[in-house]
Structure formats: structure tokens, C-alpha cells
Amino acid sequence: MSEGDFIRRSEIGTQRKRGRWLKFILGPGKTASDFVHEHGRRVDEVMTKQPLTITEDTALAEIVDLMEKNNVKRLPVIRGEKVVGIVSRANLLQAVAGLAREVPDPTADDDHIRNRVIDALEKNDWCPFGLGVVVKDGIVHLSGVITEERSRQAAVVAAETVEGVKKVHDHLCWVDTMSGIYLNSPEDEELAKAS
């Protein structure tokens, strides 16, 4: 059942109003069907009898086309005779947004990514000292010295938001300026334990 199945209802005064000529042209069968749809009390009387459906391998472009041409907001997904899901316009927006993120930036080779990461970090007062950025296949390795733990998260987030970055590895070392004590990054500590 769709929203459209509830739009034409006698209880709310939205049943179809047709002139005599149109009733004559359509014949009594169509007006009888409309009456059942508008006054029915069971699901089988008011539901759409031949709903538009798609299969799991229907292309996104085809789904968009079906929704636009038929002015529907959702399409049931079937496998054989069984309904296995439903695709809504919101699902399509999420899919399109996901595809847009996956499209590689034409200038997103490792050198460009590295320069963008450096630019994103160096303009902040929390930028690690002796910042080192190594990029291989879109995977960023950050190194340098921080004196404040909150700088670690800020540096990682700044790098993650750069176009083309797939993952960020944190190799930032924390140093206490008063005592000189230093700690490796949690990621490096985990690697050391695993070795």
C-alpha cells in the first residue's frame, strides 16, 4: 500500500469527481473499480493491484527514471515472487552521495593529497611540530610532535577531510615540555605490542 492508495477516500472527501461524459467514455467497470478503491475496508480492496517493482540488480539510473515517470517515492524490490526490500528516494540520495565520494579527484594523486594535508594542518596553531606527511595510494601517515593530546584528534580529523584521503595513520608523538617524557601514538603502541 502506498500513500497514493489513501489519497482518494470517501471519508475525507477526496474521491474522484468525474463528469457524465467521462463516466460514459470510461464505462461502468472503471467507476465500479474506483468506488471499491475509495470505499473499501480491506487491504485487498484499496491496495494497488499491479505495483511497479524492481529487482536487486536494477540500475540506479533506471530506478530514478521509474520514480520520475510514474511519480512514486518508493519501489518494492522483489526476488522471484518475494518482496525483499524497498527503495525510497532517500535511499537513492544516499547511494548517489556515496558514489560521489568514490569518484576519484582527477588531481588526487599522492603528491597533491600530501600538499593538501600539509596545507590543512599548517594553518592551525595546534599543528604538530616537525610535521611529517607521507601518502601512498591515498593512505596518509602523520608524524611529528604534539604537546597537547587534543591536537592529535584535530590533526587526524583535518587529514581525513582532505579530498582523496582513504585512511589516516597516526604516528604523532606526545611530549611533555616540562619533563621531556614522550609517548608514542596509541596506534604505534598497539603495533609494538603486536610485534
Protein backbone atom coordinates (compact mmCIF):
# COMPACT_ATOMS: atom_id res chain seq x y z
CA MET A 1 0.00 0.00 0.00
CA SER A 2 1.27 3.45 -0.87
CA GLU A 3 0.30 6.98 0.16
CA GLY A 4 -1.50 7.23 -3.17
CA ASP A 5 -3.79 4.38 -2.14
CA PHE A 6 -5.09 6.53 0.71
CA ILE A 7 -5.44 9.82 -1.18
CA ARG A 8 -8.74 9.00 -2.91
CA ARG A 9 -11.02 8.17 0.04
CA SER A 10 -14.69 8.94 0.60
CA GLU A 11 -14.15 9.55 4.35
CA ILE A 12 -12.10 12.65 3.66
CA GLY A 13 -14.00 13.79 0.58
CA THR A 14 -11.17 13.17 -1.89
CA GLN A 15 -12.87 10.58 -4.08
CA ARG A 16 -12.73 11.20 -7.83
CA LYS A 17 -15.29 13.55 -9.30
CA ARG A 18 -15.98 12.73 -12.93
CA GLY A 19 -18.38 14.37 -15.33
CA ARG A 20 -21.13 12.38 -17.05
CA TRP A 21 -19.29 12.30 -20.39
CA LEU A 22 -16.12 10.92 -18.84
CA LYS A 23 -18.14 8.30 -16.94
CA PHE A 24 -19.82 7.35 -20.23
CA ILE A 25 -16.48 7.04 -22.05
CA LEU A 26 -14.78 5.07 -19.27
CA GLY A 27 -17.76 2.80 -18.76
CA PRO A 28 -19.23 1.35 -15.57
CA GLY A 29 -16.29 -1.01 -14.92
CA LYS A 30 -13.83 1.79 -14.18
CA THR A 31 -16.25 3.71 -11.97
CA ALA A 32 -17.11 0.49 -10.11
CA SER A 33 -13.38 -0.16 -9.50
CA ASP A 34 -12.91 3.42 -8.30
CA PHE A 35 -15.84 3.03 -5.90
CA VAL A 36 -14.30 -0.10 -4.34
CA HIS A 37 -10.90 1.61 -4.06
CA GLU A 38 -12.43 4.73 -2.46
CA HIS A 39 -14.84 2.97 -0.08
CA GLY A 40 -13.18 -0.40 0.58
CA ARG A 41 -12.43 -1.57 4.11
CA ARG A 42 -9.93 -4.36 3.40
CA VAL A 43 -6.36 -4.02 2.19
CA ASP A 44 -7.02 -6.06 -0.96
CA GLU A 45 -9.76 -3.58 -1.91
CA VAL A 46 -7.67 -0.43 -1.58
CA MET A 47 -4.13 -1.56 -2.47
CA THR A 48 -2.53 -1.02 -5.85
CA LYS A 49 -3.10 -4.28 -7.72
CA GLN A 50 -0.17 -4.05 -10.15
CA PRO A 51 2.53 -2.07 -8.30
CA LEU A 52 5.76 -1.08 -10.02
CA THR A 53 8.59 -3.26 -8.76
CA ILE A 54 12.32 -3.59 -9.28
CA THR A 55 14.83 -6.38 -8.77
CA GLU A 56 18.02 -6.31 -6.72
CA ASP A 57 20.16 -5.73 -9.81
CA THR A 58 18.16 -2.81 -11.24
CA ALA A 59 20.50 0.05 -12.17
CA LEU A 60 20.21 3.26 -10.12
CA ALA A 61 19.55 5.28 -13.29
CA GLU A 62 16.61 3.03 -14.14
CA ILE A 63 15.17 3.37 -10.62
CA VAL A 64 15.37 7.17 -10.83
CA ASP A 65 13.71 7.06 -14.25
CA LEU A 66 10.86 4.84 -12.97
CA MET A 67 10.26 7.10 -9.95
CA GLU A 68 10.19 10.24 -12.08
CA LYS A 69 7.99 8.87 -14.88
CA ASN A 70 5.47 7.30 -12.50
CA ASN A 71 5.64 9.94 -9.76
CA VAL A 72 6.33 7.41 -6.99
CA LYS A 73 8.52 7.81 -3.92
CA ARG A 74 9.22 4.14 -3.19
CA LEU A 75 9.64 0.94 -5.18
CA PRO A 76 9.38 -2.60 -3.78
CA VAL A 77 12.38 -4.83 -4.50
CA ILE A 78 11.46 -8.38 -5.45
CA ARG A 79 13.37 -11.64 -5.78
CA GLY A 80 11.20 -14.05 -7.71
CA GLU A 81 7.76 -13.71 -6.14
CA LYS A 82 9.03 -12.44 -2.77
CA VAL A 83 9.43 -8.83 -1.64
CA VAL A 84 12.94 -8.49 -0.18
CA GLY A 85 13.10 -4.76 0.38
CA ILE A 86 12.04 -1.30 -0.66
CA VAL A 87 13.98 1.57 -2.22
CA SER A 88 12.99 5.11 -1.34
CA ARG A 89 14.09 8.45 -2.74
CA ALA A 90 16.13 8.94 0.45
CA ASN A 91 17.97 5.66 -0.28
CA LEU A 92 18.78 6.94 -3.77
CA LEU A 93 20.18 10.19 -2.37
CA GLN A 94 22.41 8.22 -0.01
CA ALA A 95 23.60 6.00 -2.87
CA VAL A 96 24.35 8.97 -5.11
CA ALA A 97 26.23 10.71 -2.29
CA GLY A 98 28.25 7.52 -1.74
CA LEU A 99 29.08 7.27 -5.42
CA ALA A 100 30.17 10.91 -5.48
CA ARG A 101 32.63 10.20 -2.65
CA GLU A 102 34.04 7.25 -4.56
CA VAL A 103 34.72 9.20 -7.76
CA PRO A 104 38.43 9.93 -7.68
CA ASP A 105 39.53 13.53 -7.80
CA PRO A 106 41.47 13.92 -11.07
CA THR A 107 44.27 15.67 -9.16
CA ALA A 108 44.14 13.40 -6.13
CA ASP A 109 47.41 11.64 -6.71
CA ASP A 110 49.57 11.14 -3.65
CA ASP A 111 51.65 14.33 -4.09
CA HIS A 112 48.54 16.51 -4.36
CA ILE A 113 46.96 14.80 -1.35
CA ARG A 114 50.15 15.29 0.66
CA ASN A 115 50.26 19.01 -0.17
CA ARG A 116 46.58 19.44 0.75
CA VAL A 117 47.05 17.64 4.07
CA ILE A 118 50.05 19.83 4.92
CA ASP A 119 48.07 22.97 3.98
CA ALA A 120 45.11 21.83 6.10
CA LEU A 121 47.28 21.28 9.18
CA GLU A 122 49.89 24.05 8.97
CA LYS A 123 47.36 26.88 9.12
CA ASN A 124 46.35 25.90 12.68
CA ASP A 125 48.09 26.75 15.95
CA TRP A 126 47.71 23.11 17.06
CA CYS A 127 49.69 21.81 14.08
CA PRO A 128 52.25 19.21 15.20
CA PHE A 129 55.89 20.38 15.40
CA GLY A 130 58.12 18.85 12.73
CA LEU A 131 55.04 17.71 10.82
CA GLY A 132 55.72 14.79 8.52
CA VAL A 133 53.17 13.61 5.95
CA VAL A 134 53.67 10.51 3.83
CA VAL A 135 50.95 9.44 1.37
CA LYS A 136 50.77 6.16 -0.52
CA ASP A 137 47.66 5.20 -2.52
CA GLY A 138 45.58 7.78 -0.66
CA ILE A 139 46.64 6.43 2.76
CA VAL A 140 48.15 9.16 4.95
CA HIS A 141 50.78 8.67 7.65
CA LEU A 142 51.13 11.63 10.02
CA SER A 143 54.23 12.10 12.14
CA GLY A 144 55.57 14.89 14.31
CA VAL A 145 55.40 16.07 17.90
CA ILE A 146 52.35 17.25 19.83
CA THR A 147 52.31 18.74 23.31
CA GLU A 148 48.55 18.52 23.77
CA GLU A 149 46.52 15.30 23.24
CA ARG A 150 43.61 17.21 21.69
CA SER A 151 45.95 18.20 18.86
CA ARG A 152 46.18 14.52 17.86
CA GLN A 153 42.47 14.23 17.14
CA ALA A 154 42.37 17.60 15.39
CA ALA A 155 45.28 16.62 13.11
CA VAL A 156 43.70 13.26 12.22
CA VAL A 157 40.30 14.85 11.52
CA ALA A 158 41.88 17.59 9.40
CA ALA A 159 43.71 14.98 7.32
CA GLU A 160 40.59 12.78 6.97
CA THR A 161 38.59 15.65 5.49
CA VAL A 162 41.05 16.22 2.64
CA GLU A 163 39.71 15.10 -0.76
CA GLY A 164 41.21 11.78 -1.86
CA VAL A 165 42.28 10.59 1.61
CA LYS A 166 41.21 6.99 2.19
CA LYS A 167 42.68 6.44 5.65
CA VAL A 168 44.89 8.23 8.18
CA HIS A 169 47.53 6.54 10.35
CA ASP A 170 48.56 8.43 13.47
CA HIS A 171 52.29 8.33 14.29
CA LEU A 172 52.26 11.59 16.28
CA CYS A 173 54.46 11.51 19.38
CA TRP A 174 53.30 13.30 22.54
CA VAL A 175 55.99 15.14 24.51
CA ASP A 176 55.70 16.77 27.92
CA THR A 177 57.65 20.02 27.54
CA MET A 178 58.47 20.24 31.25
CA SER A 179 59.90 16.76 31.85
CA GLY A 180 60.81 15.69 28.33
CA ILE A 181 58.81 12.48 28.73
CA TYR A 182 57.36 11.28 25.46
CA LEU A 183 54.77 8.73 24.40
CA ASN A 184 54.29 7.13 21.02
CA SER A 185 50.86 7.31 19.39
CA PRO A 186 48.29 4.75 20.57
CA GLU A 187 48.40 3.22 17.07
CA ASP A 188 52.19 2.77 17.25
CA GLU A 189 51.93 1.35 20.78
CA GLU A 190 49.43 -1.26 19.54
CA LEU A 191 51.77 -2.18 16.67
CA ALA A 192 54.68 -2.52 19.10
CA LYS A 193 52.63 -4.85 21.35
CA ALA A 194 51.60 -6.97 18.37
CA SER A 195 55.21 -7.42 17.19
